[in-house]
Amino acid sequence: MERLRSSPLHANISTALDKHLEVIHVVQSRRKDEIVNASNRQRQGAPRCQDDRDVFALALAIKEMSVVTRKARTTLWCAFQMTLPK
């Protein structure tokens, strides 16, 4: 969109996209933690009942990702509207 406009977009657009990428990495990290901890418990022969801390951390990260994704979509829509010819 910057190329189409021949000028840089507002700084808030870049900030929103950076935040979106950051939150995606957090969700990936929480998911990896959940998988590792679940496999460690399975190796130790622990009951199948899962420790809820991993699930809650993942759920909170997904909730935050949902909010940030909506903001990123709105930001991209605004950037697109600014890119369109007048």
Protein backbone atom coordinates (compact mmCIF):
# COMPACT_ATOMS: atom_id res chain seq x y z
CA MET A 1 0.00 0.00 0.00
CA GLU A 2 2.93 2.31 0.62
CA ARG A 3 4.09 1.69 -2.92
CA LEU A 4 0.66 2.47 -4.30
CA ARG A 5 0.51 5.73 -2.34
CA SER A 6 4.13 6.62 -3.08
CA SER A 7 4.42 7.76 0.53
CA PRO A 8 4.74 6.08 3.90
CA LEU A 9 1.62 5.20 5.84
CA HIS A 10 0.84 6.51 9.30
CA ALA A 11 3.08 5.17 12.10
CA ASN A 12 0.09 3.65 13.91
CA ILE A 13 -0.38 1.22 11.02
CA SER A 14 3.11 -0.18 11.42
CA THR A 15 2.67 -0.29 15.19
CA ALA A 16 -0.57 -2.26 14.91
CA LEU A 17 0.99 -4.77 12.53
CA ASP A 18 4.06 -5.17 14.74
CA LYS A 19 1.82 -5.78 17.76
CA HIS A 20 -0.12 -8.38 15.77
CA LEU A 21 3.07 -10.24 14.89
CA GLU A 22 4.24 -10.05 18.52
CA VAL A 23 0.97 -11.54 19.79
CA ILE A 24 1.19 -14.35 17.23
CA HIS A 25 4.62 -15.25 18.59
CA VAL A 26 3.23 -15.25 22.14
CA VAL A 27 0.44 -17.67 21.14
CA GLN A 28 2.97 -19.93 19.43
CA SER A 29 5.13 -19.90 22.54
CA ARG A 30 2.19 -20.72 24.85
CA ARG A 31 1.17 -23.57 22.57
CA LYS A 32 4.69 -24.99 22.56
CA ASP A 33 4.81 -24.76 26.36
CA GLU A 34 1.52 -26.60 26.60
CA ILE A 35 2.71 -29.38 24.30
CA VAL A 36 6.05 -29.78 26.11
CA ASN A 37 4.45 -29.86 29.55
CA ALA A 38 1.78 -32.32 28.42
CA SER A 39 4.37 -34.66 26.93
CA ASN A 40 6.50 -34.42 30.09
CA ARG A 41 3.53 -35.35 32.25
CA GLN A 42 2.72 -38.25 29.96
CA ARG A 43 6.29 -39.57 30.18
CA GLN A 44 6.18 -39.39 33.97
CA GLY A 45 3.04 -41.49 33.98
CA ALA A 46 0.98 -38.75 35.57
CA PRO A 47 -2.77 -38.99 35.26
CA ARG A 48 -4.25 -37.63 32.09
CA CYS A 49 -5.71 -34.67 33.99
CA GLN A 50 -3.98 -31.62 32.57
CA ASP A 51 -2.52 -28.76 34.52
CA ASP A 52 -4.84 -25.85 33.82
CA ARG A 53 -2.16 -23.15 34.01
CA ASP A 54 -0.93 -23.96 30.50
CA VAL A 55 -4.43 -23.99 29.10
CA PHE A 56 -5.34 -20.69 30.80
CA ALA A 57 -2.16 -19.02 29.55
CA LEU A 58 -2.91 -20.21 26.02
CA ALA A 59 -6.55 -19.09 26.26
CA LEU A 60 -5.51 -15.62 27.42
CA ALA A 61 -2.98 -15.36 24.60
CA ILE A 62 -5.62 -16.39 22.05
CA LYS A 63 -8.06 -13.86 23.49
CA GLU A 64 -5.46 -11.11 23.17
CA MET A 65 -4.66 -12.26 19.64
CA SER A 66 -8.34 -12.01 18.75
CA VAL A 67 -8.51 -8.39 19.94
CA VAL A 68 -5.27 -7.41 18.23
CA THR A 69 -6.32 -9.16 15.01
CA ARG A 70 -9.51 -7.09 14.88
CA LYS A 71 -7.46 -3.94 15.38
CA ALA A 72 -4.98 -4.97 12.67
CA ARG A 73 -7.81 -5.68 10.23
CA THR A 74 -9.35 -2.28 10.92
CA THR A 75 -5.96 -0.62 10.54
CA LEU A 76 -5.36 -2.35 7.21
CA TRP A 77 -8.81 -1.32 6.02
CA CYS A 78 -8.01 2.30 6.89
CA ALA A 79 -4.69 2.04 5.09
CA PHE A 80 -6.47 0.62 2.07
CA GLN A 81 -8.98 3.46 2.10
CA MET A 82 -6.13 5.98 2.17
CA THR A 83 -4.52 4.17 -0.76
CA LEU A 84 -7.54 4.37 -3.04
CA PRO A 85 -7.55 7.18 -5.59
CA LYS A 86 -9.71 10.15 -4.70
